[in-house]
N, C-alpha and C. Protein backbone atom coordinates (compact mmCIF):
# COMPACT_ATOMS: atom_id res chain seq x y z
N UNK A 1 15.96 -2.57 -3.01
CA UNK A 1 15.15 -2.58 -3.47
C UNK A 1 14.85 -3.27 -4.71
N UNK A 2 13.98 -3.31 -5.44
CA UNK A 2 13.84 -4.42 -6.54
C UNK A 2 13.53 -3.94 -7.73
N UNK A 3 13.75 -3.86 -8.92
CA UNK A 3 12.93 -3.60 -9.84
C UNK A 3 11.92 -4.42 -10.67
N UNK A 4 11.08 -4.30 -10.81
CA UNK A 4 10.06 -5.10 -11.47
C UNK A 4 9.56 -4.96 -12.95
N UNK A 5 9.54 -5.67 -13.70
CA UNK A 5 9.06 -5.23 -14.90
C UNK A 5 7.51 -5.81 -15.28
N UNK A 6 6.75 -5.09 -16.06
CA UNK A 6 5.43 -5.38 -16.07
C UNK A 6 4.84 -5.06 -17.12
N UNK A 7 3.64 -5.80 -18.00
CA UNK A 7 3.21 -4.82 -18.99
C UNK A 7 2.53 -4.16 -18.64
N UNK A 8 1.34 -2.90 -19.61
CA UNK A 8 0.62 -1.95 -18.90
C UNK A 8 -0.13 -1.89 -20.09
N UNK A 9 -1.51 -1.56 -20.13
CA UNK A 9 -2.22 -1.39 -21.07
C UNK A 9 -2.31 -0.55 -21.73
N UNK A 10 -2.98 0.10 -22.78
CA UNK A 10 -3.21 1.07 -23.60
C UNK A 10 -4.29 2.58 -22.49
N UNK A 11 -4.50 2.27 -21.58
CA UNK A 11 -5.25 2.98 -20.61
C UNK A 11 -4.24 3.22 -19.50
N UNK A 12 -3.18 2.56 -19.16
CA UNK A 12 -2.06 3.33 -17.96
C UNK A 12 -1.28 4.35 -19.22
N UNK A 13 -0.80 4.21 -20.33
CA UNK A 13 -0.09 4.62 -21.67
C UNK A 13 -1.00 5.95 -21.83
N UNK A 14 -2.40 5.77 -21.78
CA UNK A 14 -3.09 7.28 -21.91
C UNK A 14 -3.27 8.08 -20.48
N UNK A 15 -4.01 7.14 -19.54
CA UNK A 15 -3.97 8.21 -18.22
C UNK A 15 -1.97 8.59 -17.85
N UNK A 16 -1.46 8.05 -18.33
CA UNK A 16 0.07 8.63 -18.22
C UNK A 16 0.73 9.92 -19.03
N UNK A 17 0.00 9.79 -20.51
CA UNK A 17 0.04 11.33 -21.44
C UNK A 17 -0.90 12.09 -20.54
N UNK A 18 -2.13 11.87 -20.56
CA UNK A 18 -2.65 13.08 -20.33
C UNK A 18 -2.52 13.97 -18.76
N UNK A 19 -1.75 13.01 -17.95
CA UNK A 19 -1.33 13.75 -16.81
C UNK A 19 -0.05 13.93 -16.71
N UNK A 20 0.70 14.20 -18.20
CA UNK A 20 2.13 14.67 -18.43
C UNK A 20 3.18 14.20 -17.38
N UNK A 21 3.55 12.67 -17.38
CA UNK A 21 4.00 12.06 -16.83
C UNK A 21 4.46 10.92 -17.24
N UNK A 22 5.46 10.69 -17.03
CA UNK A 22 6.04 8.94 -17.64
C UNK A 22 5.54 8.24 -16.70
N UNK A 23 5.21 6.80 -17.78
CA UNK A 23 4.39 5.49 -17.21
C UNK A 23 5.36 4.62 -15.77
N UNK A 24 6.59 4.93 -15.67
CA UNK A 24 6.78 4.38 -14.35
C UNK A 24 6.62 5.19 -13.54
N UNK A 25 6.55 6.72 -13.69
CA UNK A 25 6.18 7.81 -12.46
C UNK A 25 4.94 7.11 -12.01
N UNK A 26 3.95 7.29 -12.92
CA UNK A 26 2.64 7.15 -13.05
C UNK A 26 2.01 5.54 -12.24
N UNK A 27 2.85 4.77 -12.47
CA UNK A 27 2.67 2.96 -11.97
C UNK A 27 2.84 3.28 -10.50
N UNK A 28 4.56 4.12 -10.19
CA UNK A 28 5.13 4.06 -8.98
C UNK A 28 4.18 4.45 -7.97
N UNK A 29 3.25 5.99 -8.37
CA UNK A 29 2.50 6.73 -7.12
C UNK A 29 1.17 5.71 -6.76
N UNK A 30 0.91 4.92 -8.03
CA UNK A 30 -0.14 4.06 -7.58
C UNK A 30 0.01 2.98 -6.85
N UNK A 31 1.44 2.40 -7.22
CA UNK A 31 1.95 1.18 -5.78
C UNK A 31 2.44 2.16 -5.05
N UNK A 32 2.70 3.28 -4.47
CA UNK A 32 2.86 3.84 -3.69
C UNK A 32 1.47 4.49 -2.54
N UNK A 33 0.33 4.74 -3.09
CA UNK A 33 -1.11 4.60 -2.45
C UNK A 33 -1.54 3.24 -2.14
N UNK A 34 -1.53 2.61 -3.05
CA UNK A 34 -1.69 1.46 -2.39
C UNK A 34 -1.14 0.57 -1.82
N UNK A 35 0.12 0.70 -1.29
CA UNK A 35 0.54 0.18 -0.17
C UNK A 35 0.40 1.14 0.76
N UNK A 36 0.20 2.45 0.87
CA UNK A 36 0.22 2.84 1.72
C UNK A 36 -1.53 2.38 2.34
N UNK A 37 -2.21 2.58 1.77
CA UNK A 37 -3.91 2.55 1.53
C UNK A 37 -3.71 0.43 2.64
N UNK A 38 -3.26 0.17 1.89
CA UNK A 38 -3.07 -1.50 2.92
C UNK A 38 -2.47 -1.66 3.91
N UNK A 39 -1.41 -0.89 4.18
CA UNK A 39 -0.59 -0.47 5.82
C UNK A 39 -1.36 0.52 6.38
N UNK A 40 -2.29 0.79 6.33
CA UNK A 40 -3.21 1.66 6.78
C UNK A 40 -4.16 0.42 7.79
N UNK A 41 -4.81 0.13 6.71
CA UNK A 41 -5.71 -1.21 7.04
C UNK A 41 -5.79 -2.08 8.04
N UNK A 42 -3.96 -2.59 7.49
CA UNK A 42 -3.56 -3.38 8.55
C UNK A 42 -2.97 -2.72 10.11
N UNK A 43 -2.87 -1.91 10.08
CA UNK A 43 -2.37 -0.72 11.54
C UNK A 43 -4.03 -0.82 12.17
N UNK A 44 -5.14 -0.32 11.36
CA UNK A 44 -6.41 -0.37 12.12
C UNK A 44 -6.76 -1.81 12.75
N UNK A 45 -6.27 -2.85 12.09
CA UNK A 45 -6.78 -4.44 12.50
C UNK A 45 -6.03 -4.65 13.70
N UNK A 46 -4.85 -4.59 13.49
CA UNK A 46 -3.89 -4.50 14.78
C UNK A 46 -4.37 -3.60 15.56
N UNK A 47 -4.81 -2.04 15.78
CA UNK A 47 -4.64 -1.73 16.75
C UNK A 47 -6.36 -2.65 17.57
N UNK A 48 -7.31 -2.57 16.78
CA UNK A 48 -8.41 -3.46 16.93
C UNK A 48 -7.96 -4.41 17.76
N UNK A 49 -7.45 -5.33 17.24
CA UNK A 49 -7.13 -6.52 17.69
C UNK A 49 -6.56 -6.09 19.32
N UNK A 50 -5.45 -5.44 19.35
CA UNK A 50 -4.61 -5.34 20.64
C UNK A 50 -5.75 -4.71 21.46
N UNK A 51 -5.92 -3.78 21.29
CA UNK A 51 -7.77 -3.25 21.79
C UNK A 51 -8.39 -4.44 22.85
N UNK A 52 -8.87 -5.29 22.08
CA UNK A 52 -9.94 -6.38 22.36
C UNK A 52 -8.42 -7.36 23.26
N UNK A 53 -7.93 -7.32 22.50
CA UNK A 53 -6.65 -8.62 23.94
C UNK A 53 -5.98 -8.34 24.61
N UNK A 54 -6.02 -6.88 24.89
CA UNK A 54 -5.11 -5.74 25.97
C UNK A 54 -4.43 -6.55 27.18
N UNK A 55 -5.79 -7.63 28.02
CA UNK A 55 -5.20 -7.97 28.91
C UNK A 55 -4.26 -9.32 28.78
N UNK A 56 -4.76 -10.02 28.06
CA UNK A 56 -3.60 -11.25 27.52
C UNK A 56 -2.04 -10.73 26.91
N UNK A 57 -2.28 -9.39 26.41
CA UNK A 57 -0.71 -9.09 25.71
C UNK A 57 0.12 -8.85 27.17
N UNK A 58 -1.00 -7.70 28.02
CA UNK A 58 -0.36 -7.65 28.91
C UNK A 58 0.34 -8.68 30.03
N UNK A 59 -0.89 -9.75 29.98
CA UNK A 59 0.11 -10.54 30.77
C UNK A 59 1.32 -11.56 29.98
N UNK A 60 1.06 -11.75 28.48
CA UNK A 60 2.39 -12.70 28.29
C UNK A 60 3.20 -11.67 28.12
N UNK A 61 3.53 -9.85 28.43
CA UNK A 61 4.66 -9.61 28.45
C UNK A 61 4.93 -9.12 29.73
N UNK A 62 4.42 -10.10 31.21
CA UNK A 62 4.88 -9.97 32.17
C UNK A 62 6.17 -11.11 32.28
């Protein structure tokens, strides 16, 4: 795992304070949610492409 250092604005600090969590925890949660959503979007495209090209993929696998 890599550590990343970044600057955050007052809005992030205020949100973390309002939620009663640390900035690192808030940003970590946001990043996990973003990565999960992007991963799901990529999986959906991959499934759609695999369905469209099933015959070709089957022939390539022979």
